[in-house]
């Protein structure tokens, strides 16, 4: 398996609505395996196709590491509940930042697996947040788009700051030691360095 590199904010693939998966072949299966490998290598709990430079509607997830709940969903359809969920997020595609991100406490995705068999994932809490975060990626949306008020203003100021490119470049150099050649780029939904324990999807300064 291959550890992939991570696309970061500014890359147009992260703002592109992904295409449905239509070919269920060995290349797709290898991509999913590589995404899982990358996700755990960067201590993530989720990873979406565009974060690895692949504009297809699929993501992987892994709660509590390789021995926990691990899976993937292709062509997901998301449903969410009414109850809000408080908590922080970050994203490996937006390195070095994190902040409070409103989500719903319950979510369900339905789709298919690598063999085009039906799959359904229903969750509350962290996994529900993960499902929402990763599905957003497939629609060209980043977690910072969900932030509100001062949290959003703070994040946007940081991104516009002159030294943010230096932060991003430094993170990319740090990650490069583990990256193999492959599909191109990946990001996960793990904890952001220095962030609160809630969740940092895709997240961190790794």
N, C-alpha and C. Protein backbone atom coordinates (compact mmCIF):
# COMPACT_ATOMS: atom_id res chain seq x y z
N UNK A 1 0.83 -1.20 0.00
CA UNK A 1 0.00 0.00 0.00
C UNK A 1 0.87 1.25 0.00
N UNK A 2 0.27 2.37 -0.33
CA UNK A 2 0.99 3.62 -0.55
C UNK A 2 0.47 4.72 0.36
N UNK A 3 1.39 5.47 0.95
CA UNK A 3 1.02 6.67 1.69
C UNK A 3 1.02 7.84 0.72
N UNK A 4 -0.12 8.51 0.62
CA UNK A 4 -0.30 9.58 -0.35
C UNK A 4 -0.02 10.94 0.27
N UNK A 5 0.25 11.92 -0.57
CA UNK A 5 0.47 13.29 -0.10
C UNK A 5 -0.87 14.01 0.00
N UNK A 6 -0.85 15.21 0.57
CA UNK A 6 -2.07 15.92 0.94
C UNK A 6 -2.23 17.20 0.13
N UNK A 7 -3.37 17.37 -0.51
CA UNK A 7 -3.68 18.64 -1.16
C UNK A 7 -4.12 19.64 -0.10
N UNK A 8 -3.69 20.87 -0.23
CA UNK A 8 -4.02 21.89 0.77
C UNK A 8 -4.81 23.03 0.13
N UNK A 9 -5.41 23.83 0.97
CA UNK A 9 -6.29 24.91 0.54
C UNK A 9 -5.59 25.76 -0.52
N UNK A 10 -6.34 26.10 -1.55
CA UNK A 10 -5.78 26.78 -2.71
C UNK A 10 -5.73 25.86 -3.91
N UNK A 11 -5.70 24.54 -3.66
CA UNK A 11 -5.75 23.58 -4.76
C UNK A 11 -7.19 23.48 -5.24
N UNK A 12 -7.44 23.69 -6.54
CA UNK A 12 -8.82 23.71 -7.02
C UNK A 12 -9.57 22.40 -6.84
N UNK A 13 -8.87 21.28 -6.69
CA UNK A 13 -9.58 20.01 -6.51
C UNK A 13 -10.41 20.02 -5.23
N UNK A 14 -9.98 20.80 -4.24
CA UNK A 14 -10.70 20.85 -2.97
C UNK A 14 -11.99 21.66 -3.07
N UNK A 15 -12.14 22.42 -4.14
CA UNK A 15 -13.33 23.24 -4.33
C UNK A 15 -14.17 22.74 -5.52
N UNK A 16 -13.93 21.52 -5.93
CA UNK A 16 -14.63 20.93 -7.06
C UNK A 16 -15.64 19.91 -6.57
N UNK A 17 -16.86 19.96 -7.10
CA UNK A 17 -17.86 18.93 -6.79
C UNK A 17 -17.43 17.64 -7.47
N UNK A 18 -17.30 16.58 -6.69
CA UNK A 18 -16.75 15.33 -7.21
C UNK A 18 -17.77 14.56 -8.07
N UNK A 19 -17.24 13.75 -8.96
CA UNK A 19 -18.06 12.92 -9.84
C UNK A 19 -18.37 11.59 -9.16
N UNK A 20 -19.54 11.01 -9.43
CA UNK A 20 -19.84 9.68 -8.88
C UNK A 20 -18.85 8.63 -9.40
N UNK A 21 -18.59 7.65 -8.58
CA UNK A 21 -17.79 6.51 -8.99
C UNK A 21 -18.65 5.60 -9.87
N UNK A 22 -18.14 5.23 -11.03
CA UNK A 22 -18.88 4.36 -11.95
C UNK A 22 -18.14 3.08 -12.29
N UNK A 23 -16.83 3.05 -12.01
CA UNK A 23 -16.02 1.86 -12.32
C UNK A 23 -15.53 1.25 -11.02
N UNK A 24 -15.89 0.01 -10.79
CA UNK A 24 -15.53 -0.71 -9.58
C UNK A 24 -14.50 -1.77 -9.96
N UNK A 25 -13.25 -1.35 -9.98
CA UNK A 25 -12.19 -2.22 -10.50
C UNK A 25 -11.03 -2.28 -9.52
N UNK A 26 -9.95 -2.89 -9.96
CA UNK A 26 -8.77 -3.05 -9.10
C UNK A 26 -8.15 -1.70 -8.74
N UNK A 27 -8.19 -0.75 -9.67
CA UNK A 27 -7.63 0.58 -9.38
C UNK A 27 -8.39 1.25 -8.24
N UNK A 28 -9.71 1.13 -8.24
CA UNK A 28 -10.51 1.71 -7.17
C UNK A 28 -10.19 1.04 -5.84
N UNK A 29 -10.08 -0.26 -5.85
CA UNK A 29 -9.78 -0.99 -4.61
C UNK A 29 -8.42 -0.59 -4.07
N UNK A 30 -7.44 -0.43 -4.95
CA UNK A 30 -6.10 -0.02 -4.51
C UNK A 30 -6.14 1.40 -3.94
N UNK A 31 -6.90 2.28 -4.58
CA UNK A 31 -7.02 3.65 -4.07
C UNK A 31 -7.59 3.65 -2.66
N UNK A 32 -8.63 2.86 -2.42
CA UNK A 32 -9.23 2.81 -1.08
C UNK A 32 -8.22 2.31 -0.06
N UNK A 33 -7.49 1.25 -0.41
CA UNK A 33 -6.46 0.73 0.51
C UNK A 33 -5.41 1.80 0.81
N UNK A 34 -4.99 2.53 -0.22
CA UNK A 34 -3.99 3.58 -0.02
C UNK A 34 -4.54 4.72 0.84
N UNK A 35 -5.82 5.04 0.67
CA UNK A 35 -6.43 6.08 1.48
C UNK A 35 -6.50 5.67 2.95
N UNK A 36 -6.84 4.42 3.21
CA UNK A 36 -6.86 3.93 4.59
C UNK A 36 -5.46 3.99 5.18
N UNK A 37 -4.47 3.54 4.42
CA UNK A 37 -3.08 3.57 4.88
C UNK A 37 -2.66 5.01 5.21
N UNK A 38 -2.98 5.93 4.32
CA UNK A 38 -2.62 7.34 4.52
C UNK A 38 -3.33 7.92 5.73
N UNK A 39 -4.62 7.60 5.86
CA UNK A 39 -5.43 8.11 6.97
C UNK A 39 -4.80 7.77 8.32
N UNK A 40 -4.38 6.52 8.47
CA UNK A 40 -3.80 6.13 9.75
C UNK A 40 -2.37 6.63 9.90
N UNK A 41 -1.64 6.77 8.80
CA UNK A 41 -0.28 7.28 8.87
C UNK A 41 -0.25 8.70 9.40
N UNK A 42 -1.28 9.48 9.08
CA UNK A 42 -1.32 10.87 9.54
C UNK A 42 -2.27 11.05 10.71
N UNK A 43 -2.59 9.93 11.39
CA UNK A 43 -3.41 9.97 12.61
C UNK A 43 -4.77 10.59 12.35
N UNK A 44 -5.35 10.29 11.22
CA UNK A 44 -6.65 10.83 10.88
C UNK A 44 -7.77 9.89 11.24
N UNK A 45 -9.00 10.40 11.17
CA UNK A 45 -10.17 9.56 11.36
C UNK A 45 -11.06 9.58 10.13
N UNK A 46 -10.63 10.23 9.06
CA UNK A 46 -11.38 10.25 7.83
C UNK A 46 -10.54 10.86 6.72
N UNK A 47 -10.86 10.49 5.49
CA UNK A 47 -10.08 10.96 4.34
C UNK A 47 -10.96 10.89 3.10
N UNK A 48 -11.08 11.99 2.37
CA UNK A 48 -11.94 12.04 1.19
C UNK A 48 -11.12 12.06 -0.09
N UNK A 49 -11.74 11.57 -1.17
CA UNK A 49 -11.06 11.48 -2.45
C UNK A 49 -10.34 12.74 -2.90
N UNK A 50 -11.00 13.91 -2.88
CA UNK A 50 -10.31 15.10 -3.37
C UNK A 50 -9.08 15.47 -2.56
N UNK A 51 -9.04 15.05 -1.31
CA UNK A 51 -7.86 15.33 -0.50
C UNK A 51 -6.65 14.54 -0.97
N UNK A 52 -6.88 13.50 -1.74
CA UNK A 52 -5.78 12.78 -2.36
C UNK A 52 -5.73 13.04 -3.85
N UNK A 53 -6.31 14.17 -4.27
CA UNK A 53 -6.23 14.58 -5.66
C UNK A 53 -7.14 13.81 -6.59
N UNK A 54 -8.11 13.08 -6.06
CA UNK A 54 -9.00 12.26 -6.88
C UNK A 54 -10.42 12.80 -6.73
N UNK A 55 -10.96 13.38 -7.79
CA UNK A 55 -12.25 14.04 -7.71
C UNK A 55 -13.39 13.04 -7.93
N UNK A 56 -13.46 12.08 -7.00
CA UNK A 56 -14.49 11.05 -7.02
C UNK A 56 -15.19 11.02 -5.67
N UNK A 57 -16.44 10.58 -5.68
CA UNK A 57 -17.26 10.61 -4.47
C UNK A 57 -17.01 9.35 -3.64
N UNK A 58 -15.97 9.41 -2.83
CA UNK A 58 -15.69 8.33 -1.89
C UNK A 58 -14.88 8.89 -0.73
N UNK A 59 -15.03 8.24 0.43
CA UNK A 59 -14.20 8.59 1.58
C UNK A 59 -14.00 7.35 2.44
N UNK A 60 -12.95 7.42 3.25
CA UNK A 60 -12.67 6.39 4.24
C UNK A 60 -12.85 6.99 5.63
N UNK A 61 -13.03 6.12 6.62
CA UNK A 61 -13.13 6.58 8.00
C UNK A 61 -12.53 5.53 8.91
N UNK A 62 -12.03 5.97 10.05
CA UNK A 62 -11.44 5.05 11.01
C UNK A 62 -11.43 5.67 12.39
N UNK A 63 -12.35 5.23 13.22
CA UNK A 63 -12.48 5.76 14.58
C UNK A 63 -11.74 4.84 15.54
N UNK A 64 -10.90 5.41 16.41
CA UNK A 64 -10.13 4.65 17.39
C UNK A 64 -9.08 3.77 16.74
N UNK A 65 -8.53 4.21 15.62
CA UNK A 65 -7.41 3.52 15.02
C UNK A 65 -7.77 2.27 14.25
N UNK A 66 -6.76 1.55 13.76
CA UNK A 66 -7.00 0.37 12.92
C UNK A 66 -7.83 -0.72 13.60
N UNK A 67 -7.82 -0.75 14.93
CA UNK A 67 -8.58 -1.78 15.66
C UNK A 67 -10.00 -1.33 15.98
N UNK A 68 -10.35 -0.10 15.60
CA UNK A 68 -11.69 0.41 15.87
C UNK A 68 -12.61 0.22 14.67
N UNK A 69 -13.51 1.17 14.49
CA UNK A 69 -14.48 1.10 13.39
C UNK A 69 -13.86 1.72 12.15
N UNK A 70 -13.59 0.90 11.16
CA UNK A 70 -12.91 1.32 9.94
C UNK A 70 -13.78 0.96 8.73
N UNK A 71 -13.86 1.84 7.77
CA UNK A 71 -14.64 1.52 6.58
C UNK A 71 -14.49 2.56 5.50
N UNK A 72 -15.30 2.41 4.48
CA UNK A 72 -15.33 3.36 3.38
C UNK A 72 -16.74 3.41 2.81
N UNK A 73 -17.06 4.52 2.19
CA UNK A 73 -18.36 4.68 1.54
C UNK A 73 -18.13 5.34 0.18
N UNK A 74 -18.74 4.76 -0.83
CA UNK A 74 -18.66 5.28 -2.20
C UNK A 74 -20.02 5.83 -2.59
N UNK A 75 -20.02 6.96 -3.25
CA UNK A 75 -21.25 7.65 -3.67
C UNK A 75 -22.21 7.84 -2.50
N UNK A 76 -21.73 8.43 -1.40
CA UNK A 76 -22.57 8.55 -0.20
C UNK A 76 -23.71 9.55 -0.36
N UNK A 77 -24.82 9.23 0.27
CA UNK A 77 -25.95 10.15 0.41
C UNK A 77 -26.10 10.40 1.91
N UNK A 78 -26.03 11.66 2.32
CA UNK A 78 -26.00 12.03 3.73
C UNK A 78 -27.37 12.46 4.22
N UNK A 79 -27.73 11.97 5.41
CA UNK A 79 -28.88 12.46 6.16
C UNK A 79 -28.38 12.92 7.52
N UNK A 80 -28.95 14.01 8.05
CA UNK A 80 -28.55 14.50 9.36
C UNK A 80 -29.78 14.76 10.22
N UNK A 81 -29.57 14.71 11.54
CA UNK A 81 -30.64 14.96 12.48
C UNK A 81 -30.78 16.44 12.80
N UNK A 82 -31.62 16.73 13.80
CA UNK A 82 -31.87 18.11 14.19
C UNK A 82 -31.00 18.56 15.36
N UNK A 83 -30.62 17.64 16.24
CA UNK A 83 -29.88 18.01 17.44
C UNK A 83 -28.48 18.51 17.08
N UNK A 84 -28.11 19.70 17.56
CA UNK A 84 -26.78 20.22 17.25
C UNK A 84 -25.69 19.49 18.02
N UNK A 85 -24.49 19.58 17.50
CA UNK A 85 -23.30 19.02 18.16
C UNK A 85 -22.23 20.11 18.21
N UNK A 86 -21.74 20.38 19.40
CA UNK A 86 -20.66 21.34 19.54
C UNK A 86 -19.32 20.61 19.45
N UNK A 87 -18.32 21.31 18.96
CA UNK A 87 -17.00 20.70 18.90
C UNK A 87 -16.11 21.38 17.89
N UNK A 88 -14.83 21.11 17.99
CA UNK A 88 -13.86 21.72 17.11
C UNK A 88 -13.46 20.79 15.99
N UNK A 89 -13.04 21.38 14.89
CA UNK A 89 -12.51 20.63 13.77
C UNK A 89 -11.27 21.32 13.24
N UNK A 90 -10.51 20.55 12.51
CA UNK A 90 -9.40 21.06 11.73
C UNK A 90 -9.37 20.24 10.47
N UNK A 91 -8.41 20.47 9.61
CA UNK A 91 -8.34 19.70 8.37
C UNK A 91 -6.91 19.70 7.86
N UNK A 92 -6.44 18.52 7.48
CA UNK A 92 -5.09 18.45 6.94
C UNK A 92 -4.97 19.22 5.63
N UNK A 93 -6.09 19.55 5.02
CA UNK A 93 -6.07 20.40 3.84
C UNK A 93 -6.02 21.89 4.20
N UNK A 94 -6.19 22.18 5.49
CA UNK A 94 -6.07 23.55 5.99
C UNK A 94 -5.12 23.48 7.18
N UNK A 95 -3.84 23.24 6.94
CA UNK A 95 -2.91 22.89 8.02
C UNK A 95 -2.71 23.99 9.04
N UNK A 96 -2.57 23.54 10.31
CA UNK A 96 -2.22 24.44 11.38
C UNK A 96 -3.37 25.20 11.98
N UNK A 97 -4.59 25.02 11.49
CA UNK A 97 -5.74 25.75 12.00
C UNK A 97 -6.79 24.79 12.55
N UNK A 98 -7.61 25.29 13.46
CA UNK A 98 -8.76 24.53 13.96
C UNK A 98 -9.71 25.52 14.61
N UNK A 99 -10.95 25.08 14.82
CA UNK A 99 -11.92 25.96 15.47
C UNK A 99 -13.27 25.30 15.61
N UNK A 100 -14.11 25.91 16.42
CA UNK A 100 -15.46 25.40 16.64
C UNK A 100 -16.23 25.36 15.32
N UNK A 101 -16.83 24.21 15.05
CA UNK A 101 -17.52 24.00 13.79
C UNK A 101 -18.88 23.37 14.05
N UNK A 102 -19.96 24.08 13.83
CA UNK A 102 -21.29 23.52 14.10
C UNK A 102 -21.59 22.31 13.22
N UNK A 103 -22.09 21.26 13.84
CA UNK A 103 -22.53 20.05 13.12
C UNK A 103 -23.78 19.54 13.80
N UNK A 104 -24.34 18.47 13.26
CA UNK A 104 -25.47 17.78 13.88
C UNK A 104 -24.95 16.54 14.59
N UNK A 105 -25.64 16.14 15.66
CA UNK A 105 -25.15 15.05 16.49
C UNK A 105 -25.42 13.67 15.88
N UNK A 106 -26.36 13.59 14.95
CA UNK A 106 -26.67 12.30 14.32
C UNK A 106 -26.53 12.44 12.82
N UNK A 107 -25.97 11.42 12.20
CA UNK A 107 -25.84 11.40 10.74
C UNK A 107 -25.90 9.97 10.24
N UNK A 108 -26.33 9.84 9.01
CA UNK A 108 -26.32 8.54 8.34
C UNK A 108 -25.94 8.74 6.88
N UNK A 109 -25.06 7.88 6.39
CA UNK A 109 -24.77 7.88 4.97
C UNK A 109 -25.13 6.51 4.41
N UNK A 110 -25.68 6.53 3.23
CA UNK A 110 -25.94 5.30 2.48
C UNK A 110 -25.18 5.41 1.16
N UNK A 111 -24.65 4.30 0.71
CA UNK A 111 -23.90 4.27 -0.53
C UNK A 111 -23.56 2.83 -0.87
N UNK A 112 -22.39 2.65 -1.44
CA UNK A 112 -21.93 1.30 -1.78
C UNK A 112 -20.47 1.14 -1.37
N UNK A 113 -20.01 -0.10 -1.35
CA UNK A 113 -18.61 -0.38 -1.04
C UNK A 113 -17.83 -0.63 -2.33
N UNK A 114 -16.59 -1.06 -2.19
CA UNK A 114 -15.71 -1.24 -3.35
C UNK A 114 -16.22 -2.29 -4.32
N UNK A 115 -17.10 -3.18 -3.85
CA UNK A 115 -17.67 -4.21 -4.72
C UNK A 115 -19.06 -3.84 -5.22
N UNK A 116 -19.43 -2.56 -5.05
CA UNK A 116 -20.73 -2.03 -5.47
C UNK A 116 -21.88 -2.69 -4.71
N UNK A 117 -21.61 -3.06 -3.46
CA UNK A 117 -22.66 -3.61 -2.60
C UNK A 117 -23.16 -2.52 -1.67
N UNK A 118 -24.46 -2.50 -1.35
CA UNK A 118 -25.01 -1.44 -0.51
C UNK A 118 -24.34 -1.40 0.86
N UNK A 119 -24.14 -0.18 1.36
CA UNK A 119 -23.55 0.01 2.69
C UNK A 119 -24.26 1.19 3.35
N UNK A 120 -24.40 1.10 4.66
CA UNK A 120 -25.03 2.17 5.43
C UNK A 120 -24.24 2.36 6.72
N UNK A 121 -23.96 3.61 7.06
CA UNK A 121 -23.26 3.93 8.30
C UNK A 121 -24.11 4.96 9.03
N UNK A 122 -24.52 4.63 10.24
CA UNK A 122 -25.31 5.52 11.08
C UNK A 122 -24.55 5.78 12.37
N UNK A 123 -24.50 7.03 12.81
CA UNK A 123 -23.64 7.34 13.96
C UNK A 123 -24.08 8.59 14.67
N UNK A 124 -23.60 8.72 15.90
CA UNK A 124 -23.71 9.94 16.68
C UNK A 124 -22.31 10.37 17.09
N UNK A 125 -22.19 11.60 17.56
CA UNK A 125 -20.91 12.07 18.10
C UNK A 125 -19.83 12.21 17.05
N UNK A 126 -18.63 11.73 17.39
CA UNK A 126 -17.46 11.93 16.55
C UNK A 126 -17.62 11.34 15.15
N UNK A 127 -18.12 10.12 15.05
CA UNK A 127 -18.28 9.51 13.73
C UNK A 127 -19.32 10.27 12.92
N UNK A 128 -20.39 10.74 13.56
CA UNK A 128 -21.37 11.55 12.84
C UNK A 128 -20.73 12.81 12.29
N UNK A 129 -19.86 13.43 13.08
CA UNK A 129 -19.13 14.62 12.62
C UNK A 129 -18.23 14.27 11.45
N UNK A 130 -17.58 13.13 11.55
CA UNK A 130 -16.70 12.68 10.47
C UNK A 130 -17.49 12.50 9.17
N UNK A 131 -18.65 11.85 9.24
CA UNK A 131 -19.46 11.62 8.04
C UNK A 131 -19.85 12.94 7.39
N UNK A 132 -20.19 13.92 8.20
CA UNK A 132 -20.57 15.23 7.66
C UNK A 132 -19.37 15.95 7.05
N UNK A 133 -18.25 15.90 7.74
CA UNK A 133 -17.03 16.57 7.27
C UNK A 133 -16.57 15.99 5.94
N UNK A 134 -16.53 14.66 5.85
CA UNK A 134 -16.03 14.03 4.64
C UNK A 134 -16.99 14.20 3.47
N UNK A 135 -18.29 14.14 3.72
CA UNK A 135 -19.25 14.37 2.64
C UNK A 135 -19.13 15.80 2.12
N UNK A 136 -18.89 16.75 3.02
CA UNK A 136 -18.66 18.13 2.58
C UNK A 136 -17.53 18.19 1.57
N UNK A 137 -16.44 17.47 1.82
CA UNK A 137 -15.30 17.48 0.89
C UNK A 137 -15.74 17.10 -0.52
N UNK A 138 -16.67 16.17 -0.62
CA UNK A 138 -17.09 15.68 -1.94
C UNK A 138 -17.92 16.71 -2.69
N UNK A 139 -18.40 17.71 -1.96
CA UNK A 139 -19.17 18.80 -2.57
C UNK A 139 -18.35 20.08 -2.68
N UNK A 140 -17.04 19.97 -2.53
CA UNK A 140 -16.16 21.13 -2.66
C UNK A 140 -16.21 22.08 -1.49
N UNK A 141 -16.59 21.58 -0.32
CA UNK A 141 -16.76 22.43 0.85
C UNK A 141 -15.75 22.04 1.93
N UNK A 142 -15.16 23.04 2.59
CA UNK A 142 -14.23 22.81 3.69
C UNK A 142 -14.89 23.17 5.01
N UNK A 143 -14.32 22.67 6.10
CA UNK A 143 -14.94 22.91 7.39
C UNK A 143 -15.00 24.40 7.74
N UNK A 144 -14.06 25.16 7.23
CA UNK A 144 -14.06 26.60 7.53
C UNK A 144 -15.31 27.28 6.97
N UNK A 145 -15.92 26.69 5.95
CA UNK A 145 -17.16 27.24 5.40
C UNK A 145 -18.32 27.08 6.37
N UNK A 146 -18.20 26.15 7.31
CA UNK A 146 -19.25 25.90 8.30
C UNK A 146 -19.08 26.72 9.57
N UNK A 147 -17.91 27.29 9.74
CA UNK A 147 -17.66 28.09 10.93
C UNK A 147 -18.48 29.37 10.89
N UNK A 148 -18.75 29.94 12.07
CA UNK A 148 -19.57 31.14 12.14
C UNK A 148 -18.91 32.18 13.05
N UNK A 149 -19.36 33.40 12.90
CA UNK A 149 -18.96 34.46 13.81
C UNK A 149 -17.47 34.69 13.89
N UNK A 150 -16.99 34.91 15.11
CA UNK A 150 -15.60 35.24 15.33
C UNK A 150 -14.67 34.09 14.96
N UNK A 151 -15.14 32.85 15.15
CA UNK A 151 -14.31 31.69 14.79
C UNK A 151 -13.97 31.73 13.30
N UNK A 152 -14.97 32.01 12.48
CA UNK A 152 -14.73 32.07 11.03
C UNK A 152 -13.82 33.25 10.68
N UNK A 153 -14.07 34.40 11.29
CA UNK A 153 -13.24 35.56 11.01
C UNK A 153 -11.78 35.29 11.37
N UNK A 154 -11.58 34.64 12.50
CA UNK A 154 -10.21 34.33 12.95
C UNK A 154 -9.52 33.40 11.96
N UNK A 155 -10.25 32.37 11.51
CA UNK A 155 -9.66 31.43 10.56
C UNK A 155 -9.32 32.11 9.25
N UNK A 156 -10.21 32.95 8.75
CA UNK A 156 -9.96 33.61 7.48
C UNK A 156 -8.81 34.61 7.59
N UNK A 157 -8.70 35.27 8.74
CA UNK A 157 -7.55 36.17 8.93
C UNK A 157 -6.25 35.39 8.91
N UNK A 158 -6.26 34.23 9.55
CA UNK A 158 -5.04 33.41 9.58
C UNK A 158 -4.66 32.95 8.18
N UNK A 159 -5.64 32.55 7.39
CA UNK A 159 -5.37 32.08 6.04
C UNK A 159 -4.83 33.21 5.17
N UNK A 160 -5.34 34.41 5.38
CA UNK A 160 -4.88 35.56 4.59
C UNK A 160 -3.53 36.09 5.05
N UNK A 161 -3.11 35.69 6.24
CA UNK A 161 -1.85 36.21 6.78
C UNK A 161 -0.69 35.83 5.89
N UNK A 162 0.29 36.72 5.84
CA UNK A 162 1.43 36.52 4.94
C UNK A 162 2.20 35.25 5.26
N UNK A 163 2.22 34.87 6.55
CA UNK A 163 3.05 33.72 6.91
C UNK A 163 2.30 32.39 6.81
N UNK A 164 1.00 32.40 6.40
CA UNK A 164 0.28 31.14 6.35
C UNK A 164 0.87 30.22 5.28
N UNK A 165 1.33 30.79 4.17
CA UNK A 165 1.95 29.96 3.15
C UNK A 165 3.19 29.27 3.68
N UNK A 166 3.92 29.95 4.56
CA UNK A 166 5.10 29.34 5.17
C UNK A 166 4.70 28.18 6.07
N UNK A 167 3.60 28.37 6.83
CA UNK A 167 3.10 27.28 7.67
C UNK A 167 2.72 26.09 6.82
N UNK A 168 1.98 26.34 5.75
CA UNK A 168 1.53 25.27 4.87
C UNK A 168 2.71 24.54 4.24
N UNK A 169 3.69 25.31 3.78
CA UNK A 169 4.86 24.70 3.15
C UNK A 169 5.64 23.86 4.16
N UNK A 170 5.74 24.35 5.39
CA UNK A 170 6.45 23.59 6.42
C UNK A 170 5.76 22.27 6.73
N UNK A 171 4.44 22.30 6.79
CA UNK A 171 3.69 21.07 7.03
C UNK A 171 3.90 20.09 5.88
N UNK A 172 3.87 20.59 4.66
CA UNK A 172 4.08 19.72 3.50
C UNK A 172 5.46 19.07 3.54
N UNK A 173 6.47 19.85 3.94
CA UNK A 173 7.82 19.28 4.03
C UNK A 173 7.88 18.20 5.10
N UNK A 174 7.19 18.45 6.22
CA UNK A 174 7.20 17.48 7.31
C UNK A 174 6.53 16.18 6.89
N UNK A 175 5.44 16.29 6.15
CA UNK A 175 4.72 15.09 5.70
C UNK A 175 5.48 14.33 4.63
N UNK A 176 6.31 15.05 3.86
CA UNK A 176 6.91 14.46 2.67
C UNK A 176 7.76 13.24 2.97
N UNK A 177 8.28 13.14 4.18
CA UNK A 177 9.12 11.99 4.52
C UNK A 177 8.40 10.67 4.47
N UNK A 178 7.09 10.68 4.66
CA UNK A 178 6.32 9.45 4.66
C UNK A 178 5.61 9.17 3.36
N UNK A 179 5.64 10.13 2.44
CA UNK A 179 4.81 10.02 1.24
C UNK A 179 5.47 9.15 0.19
N UNK A 180 4.68 8.29 -0.42
CA UNK A 180 5.12 7.50 -1.55
C UNK A 180 4.46 8.06 -2.81
N UNK A 181 5.02 7.68 -3.96
CA UNK A 181 4.35 8.08 -5.19
C UNK A 181 3.06 7.29 -5.32
N UNK A 182 2.03 7.93 -5.87
CA UNK A 182 0.75 7.24 -5.98
C UNK A 182 -0.25 8.12 -6.67
N UNK A 183 -1.48 8.13 -6.18
CA UNK A 183 -2.53 8.89 -6.83
C UNK A 183 -2.30 10.39 -6.73
N UNK A 184 -1.55 10.84 -5.75
CA UNK A 184 -1.26 12.27 -5.75
C UNK A 184 -1.33 12.95 -4.43
N UNK A 185 -2.46 12.94 -3.70
CA UNK A 185 -2.48 13.76 -2.52
C UNK A 185 -3.56 13.32 -1.58
N UNK A 186 -3.30 13.41 -0.31
CA UNK A 186 -4.32 12.98 0.61
C UNK A 186 -4.35 13.80 1.86
N UNK A 187 -5.49 13.90 2.46
CA UNK A 187 -5.60 14.55 3.74
C UNK A 187 -6.56 13.78 4.56
N UNK A 188 -6.43 13.89 5.86
CA UNK A 188 -7.31 13.12 6.68
C UNK A 188 -7.99 13.98 7.67
N UNK A 189 -8.72 13.33 8.50
CA UNK A 189 -9.64 14.05 9.35
C UNK A 189 -9.27 13.72 10.77
N UNK A 190 -7.99 13.95 11.12
CA UNK A 190 -7.51 13.58 12.42
C UNK A 190 -7.41 14.78 13.32
N UNK A 191 -6.70 14.68 14.41
CA UNK A 191 -6.65 15.79 15.37
C UNK A 191 -5.62 16.81 14.96
N UNK A 192 -6.00 18.06 15.07
CA UNK A 192 -5.08 19.15 14.79
C UNK A 192 -4.15 19.38 15.97
N UNK A 193 -2.90 19.54 15.66
CA UNK A 193 -1.94 19.80 16.72
C UNK A 193 -2.35 21.02 17.51
N UNK A 194 -2.45 20.86 18.82
CA UNK A 194 -2.78 21.98 19.67
C UNK A 194 -4.26 22.25 19.78
N UNK A 195 -5.10 21.47 19.13
CA UNK A 195 -6.53 21.75 19.18
C UNK A 195 -7.17 21.05 20.35
N UNK A 196 -8.41 21.43 20.62
CA UNK A 196 -9.18 20.76 21.65
C UNK A 196 -9.51 19.35 21.21
N UNK A 197 -9.79 18.45 22.17
CA UNK A 197 -9.98 17.07 21.82
C UNK A 197 -11.20 16.79 20.98
N UNK A 198 -12.11 17.65 20.76
CA UNK A 198 -13.36 17.33 20.09
C UNK A 198 -13.20 16.58 18.80
N UNK A 199 -12.57 17.14 17.83
CA UNK A 199 -12.31 16.48 16.57
C UNK A 199 -11.58 17.45 15.70
N UNK A 200 -10.67 16.94 14.91
CA UNK A 200 -10.02 17.78 13.94
C UNK A 200 -9.98 17.00 12.66
N UNK A 201 -11.05 17.04 11.94
CA UNK A 201 -11.23 16.18 10.80
C UNK A 201 -10.32 16.61 9.69
N UNK A 202 -9.60 15.67 9.19
CA UNK A 202 -8.64 16.00 8.18
C UNK A 202 -7.50 16.72 8.82
N UNK A 203 -7.46 16.73 10.13
CA UNK A 203 -6.92 17.89 10.66
C UNK A 203 -5.58 17.90 11.23
N UNK A 204 -4.77 18.74 10.93
CA UNK A 204 -3.69 19.02 11.78
C UNK A 204 -2.48 19.53 11.10
N UNK A 205 -1.53 19.86 11.91
CA UNK A 205 -0.29 20.40 11.41
C UNK A 205 0.71 19.29 11.21
N UNK A 206 0.23 18.20 10.57
CA UNK A 206 1.15 17.13 10.24
C UNK A 206 1.42 17.14 8.77
